[in-house]
């Protein structure tokens, strides 16, 4: 089990190992995820993002060695490793976390990638809603033991959270890092409900087993509505430009 003090010590040790392994080739290290947001549970993992100048097979081995040397690595270590060329080729809709909700531990991505534009935020929302809709309809329409399948949707509800962060950033120009903060900017009942489910996922385990259709239908409805909102926004923009 972790607390913030242990997480901070873990990250400091990990950063030192990374500096020893990669030296000046270490471009950026950031801490994101539930601990960075202040929403972690004692059993949450520790998420780090690492950018190197380039990545070859020996670098993967060196990174793996640094991770495996960390305390409780099999339970705590999580994150994302990327090179500068890979990050520059990455979909713009997927670099949001480098600029918002990330605690910078080392370096910077300034001059490497730029903040997502409005079009990138729209694409982020569209992609997450489409992925969620695919899974929700799969469990809704085909034979499944739904009282078991519903428990596989935790990350999909987390995707709702991320998509709604992009929506509020697009709409209001502000980033709501935590679910509690995000709720203040949401009025749509389904928006608020998917955030509540994402926030209280662990506590809702028995309720999910008892009424799985509620959660699957909620995810399907929210995803369908979000895609409609994206389409309506783009149609309004086309009409305004004519």
C-alpha atoms as a PDB file:
ATOM      1  CA  UNK A   1       0.000   0.000   0.000  1.00  0.00           C
ATOM      2  CA  UNK A   2       1.216   3.504  -0.840  1.00  0.00           C
ATOM      3  CA  UNK A   3       0.807   7.021   0.419  1.00  0.00           C
ATOM      4  CA  UNK A   4       1.962  10.228  -1.225  1.00  0.00           C
ATOM      5  CA  UNK A   5       5.249  10.326   0.670  1.00  0.00           C
ATOM      6  CA  UNK A   6       6.176   6.839  -0.544  1.00  0.00           C
ATOM      7  CA  UNK A   7       5.166   7.722  -4.097  1.00  0.00           C
ATOM      8  CA  UNK A   8       7.384  10.804  -4.011  1.00  0.00           C
ATOM      9  CA  UNK A   9      10.336   8.742  -2.753  1.00  0.00           C
ATOM     10  CA  UNK A  10       9.694   6.069  -5.383  1.00  0.00           C
ATOM     11  CA  UNK A  11       9.646   8.658  -8.169  1.00  0.00           C
ATOM     12  CA  UNK A  12      12.816  10.335  -6.900  1.00  0.00           C
ATOM     13  CA  UNK A  13      14.641   6.988  -6.910  1.00  0.00           C
ATOM     14  CA  UNK A  14      13.274   6.097 -10.337  1.00  0.00           C
ATOM     15  CA  UNK A  15      14.370   9.447 -11.770  1.00  0.00           C
ATOM     16  CA  UNK A  16      17.876   8.911 -10.423  1.00  0.00           C
ATOM     17  CA  UNK A  17      18.046   5.480 -12.056  1.00  0.00           C
ATOM     18  CA  UNK A  18      16.863   6.949 -15.357  1.00  0.00           C
ATOM     19  CA  UNK A  19      19.493   9.690 -15.236  1.00  0.00           C
ATOM     20  CA  UNK A  20      22.194   7.116 -14.555  1.00  0.00           C
ATOM     21  CA  UNK A  21      20.964   4.904 -17.400  1.00  0.00           C
ATOM     22  CA  UNK A  22      20.481   7.575 -20.082  1.00  0.00           C
ATOM     23  CA  UNK A  23      22.360  10.706 -19.041  1.00  0.00           C
ATOM     24  CA  UNK A  24      21.922  13.640 -21.432  1.00  0.00           C
ATOM     25  CA  UNK A  25      19.725  11.519 -23.689  1.00  0.00           C
ATOM     26  CA  UNK A  26      16.929  11.819 -21.125  1.00  0.00           C
ATOM     27  CA  UNK A  27      14.705  14.555 -22.572  1.00  0.00           C
ATOM     28  CA  UNK A  28      11.637  14.494 -20.360  1.00  0.00           C
ATOM     29  CA  UNK A  29      10.167  12.653 -17.394  1.00  0.00           C
ATOM     30  CA  UNK A  30       6.658  13.416 -16.180  1.00  0.00           C
ATOM     31  CA  UNK A  31       4.363  11.959 -13.559  1.00  0.00           C
ATOM     32  CA  UNK A  32       0.685  11.571 -14.437  1.00  0.00           C
ATOM     33  CA  UNK A  33      -2.262   9.389 -13.492  1.00  0.00           C
ATOM     34  CA  UNK A  34      -4.219   9.062 -10.280  1.00  0.00           C
ATOM     35  CA  UNK A  35      -1.378   9.910  -7.880  1.00  0.00           C
ATOM     36  CA  UNK A  36      -0.549  13.054  -9.849  1.00  0.00           C
ATOM     37  CA  UNK A  37      -4.238  14.039  -9.861  1.00  0.00           C
ATOM     38  CA  UNK A  38      -4.654  13.445  -6.144  1.00  0.00           C
ATOM     39  CA  UNK A  39      -7.242  10.723  -6.764  1.00  0.00           C
ATOM     40  CA  UNK A  40      -5.200   7.600  -6.033  1.00  0.00           C
ATOM     41  CA  UNK A  41      -6.175   4.653  -3.920  1.00  0.00           C
ATOM     42  CA  UNK A  42      -3.536   2.961  -1.743  1.00  0.00           C
ATOM     43  CA  UNK A  43      -3.216   0.190  -4.355  1.00  0.00           C
ATOM     44  CA  UNK A  44      -2.935   2.515  -7.382  1.00  0.00           C
ATOM     45  CA  UNK A  45       0.120   2.185  -9.585  1.00  0.00           C
ATOM     46  CA  UNK A  46       2.598   4.989 -10.300  1.00  0.00           C
ATOM     47  CA  UNK A  47       2.525   6.377 -13.844  1.00  0.00           C
ATOM     48  CA  UNK A  48       5.544   8.002 -15.460  1.00  0.00           C
ATOM     49  CA  UNK A  49       6.092   9.313 -18.995  1.00  0.00           C
ATOM     50  CA  UNK A  50       9.608   9.218 -20.406  1.00  0.00           C
ATOM     51  CA  UNK A  51      10.980  10.789 -23.603  1.00  0.00           C
ATOM     52  CA  UNK A  52      14.401   9.815 -24.981  1.00  0.00           C
ATOM     53  CA  UNK A  53      16.227  11.341 -27.934  1.00  0.00           C
ATOM     54  CA  UNK A  54      15.907   7.997 -29.738  1.00  0.00           C
ATOM     55  CA  UNK A  55      15.040   4.410 -28.829  1.00  0.00           C
ATOM     56  CA  UNK A  56      16.842   1.263 -29.922  1.00  0.00           C
ATOM     57  CA  UNK A  57      16.776  -2.277 -28.525  1.00  0.00           C
ATOM     58  CA  UNK A  58      19.495  -1.644 -25.889  1.00  0.00           C
ATOM     59  CA  UNK A  59      17.497   1.334 -24.599  1.00  0.00           C
ATOM     60  CA  UNK A  60      14.468  -0.853 -24.023  1.00  0.00           C
ATOM     61  CA  UNK A  61      16.625  -3.280 -22.066  1.00  0.00           C
ATOM     62  CA  UNK A  62      18.126  -0.448 -20.009  1.00  0.00           C
ATOM     63  CA  UNK A  63      14.712   0.984 -19.235  1.00  0.00           C
ATOM     64  CA  UNK A  64      13.370  -2.435 -18.274  1.00  0.00           C
ATOM     65  CA  UNK A  65      16.359  -2.926 -15.990  1.00  0.00           C
ATOM     66  CA  UNK A  66      15.717   0.423 -14.295  1.00  0.00           C
ATOM     67  CA  UNK A  67      12.056  -0.463 -13.763  1.00  0.00           C
ATOM     68  CA  UNK A  68      12.788  -3.955 -12.427  1.00  0.00           C
ATOM     69  CA  UNK A  69      15.240  -2.528  -9.898  1.00  0.00           C
ATOM     70  CA  UNK A  70      12.508  -0.420  -8.313  1.00  0.00           C
ATOM     71  CA  UNK A  71      10.682  -1.517  -5.135  1.00  0.00           C
ATOM     72  CA  UNK A  72       7.433  -3.390  -5.869  1.00  0.00           C
ATOM     73  CA  UNK A  73       7.921  -2.793  -9.583  1.00  0.00           C
ATOM     74  CA  UNK A  74       5.471  -5.528 -10.573  1.00  0.00           C
ATOM     75  CA  UNK A  75       2.705  -3.724  -8.678  1.00  0.00           C
ATOM     76  CA  UNK A  76       3.645  -0.045  -8.839  1.00  0.00           C
ATOM     77  CA  UNK A  77       5.474   0.637 -12.090  1.00  0.00           C
ATOM     78  CA  UNK A  78       3.446   1.868 -15.043  1.00  0.00           C
ATOM     79  CA  UNK A  79       3.790   4.460 -17.747  1.00  0.00           C
ATOM     80  CA  UNK A  80       4.879   5.330 -21.235  1.00  0.00           C
ATOM     81  CA  UNK A  81       8.255   5.366 -23.032  1.00  0.00           C
ATOM     82  CA  UNK A  82       8.682   7.212 -26.344  1.00  0.00           C
ATOM     83  CA  UNK A  83      11.412   8.782 -28.463  1.00  0.00           C
ATOM     84  CA  UNK A  84      11.385  12.316 -29.866  1.00  0.00           C
ATOM     85  CA  UNK A  85      10.613  11.147 -33.453  1.00  0.00           C
ATOM     86  CA  UNK A  86       7.861   8.852 -32.177  1.00  0.00           C
ATOM     87  CA  UNK A  87       6.310  11.621 -30.086  1.00  0.00           C
ATOM     88  CA  UNK A  88       6.393  14.001 -33.040  1.00  0.00           C
ATOM     89  CA  UNK A  89       4.608  11.378 -35.164  1.00  0.00           C
ATOM     90  CA  UNK A  90       2.096  10.569 -32.419  1.00  0.00           C
ATOM     91  CA  UNK A  91      -1.530  11.608 -33.012  1.00  0.00           C
ATOM     92  CA  UNK A  92      -1.953  15.167 -31.739  1.00  0.00           C
ATOM     93  CA  UNK A  93      -5.057  14.087 -29.870  1.00  0.00           C
ATOM     94  CA  UNK A  94      -2.927  11.770 -27.721  1.00  0.00           C
ATOM     95  CA  UNK A  95      -0.330  14.241 -26.404  1.00  0.00           C
ATOM     96  CA  UNK A  96      -2.730  16.094 -24.107  1.00  0.00           C
ATOM     97  CA  UNK A  97      -1.279  14.464 -21.005  1.00  0.00           C
ATOM     98  CA  UNK A  98       2.150  15.999 -21.649  1.00  0.00           C
ATOM     99  CA  UNK A  99       0.693  19.470 -21.100  1.00  0.00           C
ATOM    100  CA  UNK A 100      -2.195  19.052 -18.680  1.00  0.00           C
ATOM    101  CA  UNK A 101      -2.355  17.131 -15.422  1.00  0.00           C
ATOM    102  CA  UNK A 102       1.310  16.154 -15.620  1.00  0.00           C
ATOM    103  CA  UNK A 103       3.915  16.883 -12.953  1.00  0.00           C
ATOM    104  CA  UNK A 104       7.216  17.551 -14.685  1.00  0.00           C
ATOM    105  CA  UNK A 105      10.104  15.745 -12.985  1.00  0.00           C
ATOM    106  CA  UNK A 106      12.801  16.354 -15.580  1.00  0.00           C
ATOM    107  CA  UNK A 107      13.276  18.339 -18.782  1.00  0.00           C
ATOM    108  CA  UNK A 108      10.642  19.693 -21.120  1.00  0.00           C
ATOM    109  CA  UNK A 109       8.832  18.901 -24.368  1.00  0.00           C
ATOM    110  CA  UNK A 110       8.879  22.564 -25.431  1.00  0.00           C
ATOM    111  CA  UNK A 111      10.002  22.800 -29.031  1.00  0.00           C
ATOM    112  CA  UNK A 112       9.373  19.089 -29.561  1.00  0.00           C
ATOM    113  CA  UNK A 113       5.582  18.999 -29.700  1.00  0.00           C
ATOM    114  CA  UNK A 114       2.971  21.715 -29.339  1.00  0.00           C
ATOM    115  CA  UNK A 115      -0.183  21.801 -27.285  1.00  0.00           C
ATOM    116  CA  UNK A 116      -3.203  20.157 -28.917  1.00  0.00           C
ATOM    117  CA  UNK A 117      -5.371  22.497 -30.974  1.00  0.00           C
ATOM    118  CA  UNK A 118      -9.161  22.595 -30.896  1.00  0.00           C
ATOM    119  CA  UNK A 119      -9.312  20.132 -33.791  1.00  0.00           C
ATOM    120  CA  UNK A 120      -7.062  17.749 -31.842  1.00  0.00           C
ATOM    121  CA  UNK A 121      -9.344  17.943 -28.803  1.00  0.00           C
ATOM    122  CA  UNK A 122     -12.358  17.161 -30.988  1.00  0.00           C
ATOM    123  CA  UNK A 123     -10.511  14.168 -32.431  1.00  0.00           C
ATOM    124  CA  UNK A 124      -9.644  13.002 -28.905  1.00  0.00           C
ATOM    125  CA  UNK A 125     -13.318  13.121 -27.909  1.00  0.00           C
ATOM    126  CA  UNK A 126     -14.427  11.399 -31.113  1.00  0.00           C
ATOM    127  CA  UNK A 127     -11.901   8.576 -30.780  1.00  0.00           C
ATOM    128  CA  UNK A 128     -12.716   7.809 -27.162  1.00  0.00           C
ATOM    129  CA  UNK A 129     -16.470   7.934 -27.713  1.00  0.00           C
ATOM    130  CA  UNK A 130     -16.204   5.642 -30.755  1.00  0.00           C
ATOM    131  CA  UNK A 131     -14.081   3.096 -28.870  1.00  0.00           C
ATOM    132  CA  UNK A 132     -16.497   3.139 -25.959  1.00  0.00           C
ATOM    133  CA  UNK A 133     -19.505   2.751 -28.237  1.00  0.00           C
ATOM    134  CA  UNK A 134     -17.957  -0.270 -29.925  1.00  0.00           C
ATOM    135  CA  UNK A 135     -17.425  -2.093 -26.630  1.00  0.00           C
ATOM    136  CA  UNK A 136     -20.740  -1.093 -25.082  1.00  0.00           C
ATOM    137  CA  UNK A 137     -22.711  -2.267 -28.111  1.00  0.00           C
ATOM    138  CA  UNK A 138     -20.737  -5.502 -28.203  1.00  0.00           C
ATOM    139  CA  UNK A 139     -21.781  -6.370 -24.651  1.00  0.00           C
ATOM    140  CA  UNK A 140     -25.284  -5.027 -25.169  1.00  0.00           C
ATOM    141  CA  UNK A 141     -26.147  -6.852 -28.388  1.00  0.00           C
ATOM    142  CA  UNK A 142     -24.355 -10.192 -28.234  1.00  0.00           C
ATOM    143  CA  UNK A 143     -24.702 -13.077 -25.776  1.00  0.00           C
ATOM    144  CA  UNK A 144     -22.555 -12.478 -22.699  1.00  0.00           C
ATOM    145  CA  UNK A 145     -22.681 -13.106 -19.003  1.00  0.00           C
ATOM    146  CA  UNK A 146     -23.242  -9.407 -18.422  1.00  0.00           C
ATOM    147  CA  UNK A 147     -22.846  -9.613 -14.650  1.00  0.00           C
ATOM    148  CA  UNK A 148     -19.226 -10.582 -15.377  1.00  0.00           C
ATOM    149  CA  UNK A 149     -18.600  -8.597 -18.576  1.00  0.00           C
ATOM    150  CA  UNK A 150     -19.624  -5.282 -17.024  1.00  0.00           C
ATOM    151  CA  UNK A 151     -16.549  -5.375 -14.781  1.00  0.00           C
ATOM    152  CA  UNK A 152     -14.342  -5.157 -17.876  1.00  0.00           C
ATOM    153  CA  UNK A 153     -15.597  -1.653 -18.632  1.00  0.00           C
ATOM    154  CA  UNK A 154     -13.715   0.233 -15.937  1.00  0.00           C
ATOM    155  CA  UNK A 155     -11.204   1.710 -18.354  1.00  0.00           C
ATOM    156  CA  UNK A 156     -14.006   2.671 -20.727  1.00  0.00           C
ATOM    157  CA  UNK A 157     -15.582   4.829 -18.027  1.00  0.00           C
ATOM    158  CA  UNK A 158     -12.155   6.312 -17.370  1.00  0.00           C
ATOM    159  CA  UNK A 159     -12.072   7.143 -21.096  1.00  0.00           C
ATOM    160  CA  UNK A 160     -15.315   9.074 -20.568  1.00  0.00           C
ATOM    161  CA  UNK A 161     -13.492  11.108 -17.943  1.00  0.00           C
ATOM    162  CA  UNK A 162     -10.624  11.869 -20.306  1.00  0.00           C
ATOM    163  CA  UNK A 163     -12.987  12.777 -23.159  1.00  0.00           C
ATOM    164  CA  UNK A 164     -14.963  15.126 -20.925  1.00  0.00           C
ATOM    165  CA  UNK A 165     -11.728  16.764 -19.799  1.00  0.00           C
ATOM    166  CA  UNK A 166     -11.075  17.517 -23.470  1.00  0.00           C
ATOM    167  CA  UNK A 167     -14.645  18.767 -23.923  1.00  0.00           C
ATOM    168  CA  UNK A 168     -14.421  21.223 -21.028  1.00  0.00           C
ATOM    169  CA  UNK A 169     -10.973  22.366 -22.182  1.00  0.00           C
ATOM    170  CA  UNK A 170     -12.400  22.939 -25.658  1.00  0.00           C
ATOM    171  CA  UNK A 171     -15.522  24.672 -24.388  1.00  0.00           C
ATOM    172  CA  UNK A 172     -14.173  26.719 -21.482  1.00  0.00           C
ATOM    173  CA  UNK A 173     -10.437  26.867 -22.044  1.00  0.00           C
ATOM    174  CA  UNK A 174      -9.701  25.311 -18.670  1.00  0.00           C
ATOM    175  CA  UNK A 175      -8.406  21.891 -17.682  1.00  0.00           C
ATOM    176  CA  UNK A 176     -10.232  20.079 -14.896  1.00  0.00           C
ATOM    177  CA  UNK A 177      -7.670  17.687 -13.513  1.00  0.00           C
ATOM    178  CA  UNK A 178      -9.842  15.796 -11.050  1.00  0.00           C
ATOM    179  CA  UNK A 179     -13.261  14.251 -11.397  1.00  0.00           C
ATOM    180  CA  UNK A 180     -14.585  16.422  -8.571  1.00  0.00           C
ATOM    181  CA  UNK A 181     -13.441  19.540 -10.439  1.00  0.00           C
ATOM    182  CA  UNK A 182     -14.847  18.302 -13.724  1.00  0.00           C
ATOM    183  CA  UNK A 183     -18.312  17.755 -12.283  1.00  0.00           C
ATOM    184  CA  UNK A 184     -18.586  21.486 -11.618  1.00  0.00           C
ATOM    185  CA  UNK A 185     -18.478  22.142 -15.368  1.00  0.00           C
ATOM    186  CA  UNK A 186     -20.955  19.435 -16.401  1.00  0.00           C
ATOM    187  CA  UNK A 187     -24.726  19.806 -16.512  1.00  0.00           C
ATOM    188  CA  UNK A 188     -25.752  16.892 -18.738  1.00  0.00           C
ATOM    189  CA  UNK A 189     -27.025  14.056 -16.481  1.00  0.00           C
ATOM    190  CA  UNK A 190     -25.221  11.321 -18.426  1.00  0.00           C
ATOM    191  CA  UNK A 191     -21.960  13.286 -18.393  1.00  0.00           C
ATOM    192  CA  UNK A 192     -22.219  13.596 -14.649  1.00  0.00           C
ATOM    193  CA  UNK A 193     -23.182   9.959 -14.187  1.00  0.00           C
ATOM    194  CA  UNK A 194     -20.270   8.515 -16.176  1.00  0.00           C
ATOM    195  CA  UNK A 195     -17.914  10.638 -14.067  1.00  0.00           C
ATOM    196  CA  UNK A 196     -19.569   9.385 -10.877  1.00  0.00           C
ATOM    197  CA  UNK A 197     -19.150   5.798 -12.078  1.00  0.00           C
ATOM    198  CA  UNK A 198     -15.501   6.388 -13.004  1.00  0.00           C
ATOM    199  CA  UNK A 199     -14.854   8.009  -9.623  1.00  0.00           C
ATOM    200  CA  UNK A 200     -16.616   5.328  -7.548  1.00  0.00           C
ATOM    201  CA  UNK A 201     -15.784   2.277  -9.695  1.00  0.00           C
ATOM    202  CA  UNK A 202     -14.389   0.129  -6.874  1.00  0.00           C
ATOM    203  CA  UNK A 203     -17.274   0.852  -4.514  1.00  0.00           C
ATOM    204  CA  UNK A 204     -19.833   0.020  -7.227  1.00  0.00           C
ATOM    205  CA  UNK A 205     -18.694  -3.569  -7.768  1.00  0.00           C
ATOM    206  CA  UNK A 206     -21.734  -5.201  -6.140  1.00  0.00           C
ATOM    207  CA  UNK A 207     -24.138  -2.840  -7.865  1.00  0.00           C
ATOM    208  CA  UNK A 208     -22.544  -3.588 -11.250  1.00  0.00           C
ATOM    209  CA  UNK A 209     -23.041  -7.303 -10.661  1.00  0.00           C
ATOM    210  CA  UNK A 210     -26.654  -6.764  -9.602  1.00  0.00           C
ATOM    211  CA  UNK A 211     -27.663  -4.531 -12.538  1.00  0.00           C
ATOM    212  CA  UNK A 212     -25.068  -4.747 -15.288  1.00  0.00           C
ATOM    213  CA  UNK A 213     -27.407  -3.473 -17.994  1.00  0.00           C
ATOM    214  CA  UNK A 214     -27.633  -0.112 -16.282  1.00  0.00           C
ATOM    215  CA  UNK A 215     -23.893   0.466 -16.701  1.00  0.00           C
ATOM    216  CA  UNK A 216     -23.639  -0.982 -20.194  1.00  0.00           C
ATOM    217  CA  UNK A 217     -26.608   1.051 -21.402  1.00  0.00           C
ATOM    218  CA  UNK A 218     -25.232   4.180 -19.734  1.00  0.00           C
ATOM    219  CA  UNK A 219     -21.928   3.771 -21.542  1.00  0.00           C
ATOM    220  CA  UNK A 220     -23.670   3.079 -24.856  1.00  0.00           C
ATOM    221  CA  UNK A 221     -25.981   6.097 -24.478  1.00  0.00           C
ATOM    222  CA  UNK A 222     -23.229   8.469 -23.420  1.00  0.00           C
ATOM    223  CA  UNK A 223     -20.971   7.406 -26.292  1.00  0.00           C
ATOM    224  CA  UNK A 224     -23.751   7.716 -28.858  1.00  0.00           C
ATOM    225  CA  UNK A 225     -24.706  11.169 -27.595  1.00  0.00           C
ATOM    226  CA  UNK A 226     -21.095  12.332 -27.539  1.00  0.00           C
ATOM    227  CA  UNK A 227     -20.563  11.343 -31.166  1.00  0.00           C
ATOM    228  CA  UNK A 228     -23.736  13.253 -32.045  1.00  0.00           C
ATOM    229  CA  UNK A 229     -22.417  16.311 -30.227  1.00  0.00           C
ATOM    230  CA  UNK A 230     -19.162  16.145 -32.154  1.00  0.00           C
ATOM    231  CA  UNK A 231     -21.030  15.846 -35.461  1.00  0.00           C
ATOM    232  CA  UNK A 232     -23.339  18.755 -34.568  1.00  0.00           C
ATOM    233  CA  UNK A 233     -20.381  20.957 -33.636  1.00  0.00           C
ATOM    234  CA  UNK A 234     -18.671  20.261 -36.943  1.00  0.00           C
ATOM    235  CA  UNK A 235     -21.890  20.915 -38.869  1.00  0.00           C
ATOM    236  CA  UNK A 236     -22.346  24.238 -37.081  1.00  0.00           C
ATOM    237  CA  UNK A 237     -18.785  25.217 -37.948  1.00  0.00           C
ATOM    238  CA  UNK A 238     -19.333  24.328 -41.616  1.00  0.00           C
ATOM    239  CA  UNK A 239     -22.533  26.370 -41.713  1.00  0.00           C
ATOM    240  CA  UNK A 240     -20.830  29.347 -40.066  1.00  0.00           C
ATOM    241  CA  UNK A 241     -18.007  29.306 -42.610  1.00  0.00           C
ATOM    242  CA  UNK A 242     -20.306  29.287 -45.659  1.00  0.00           C
END
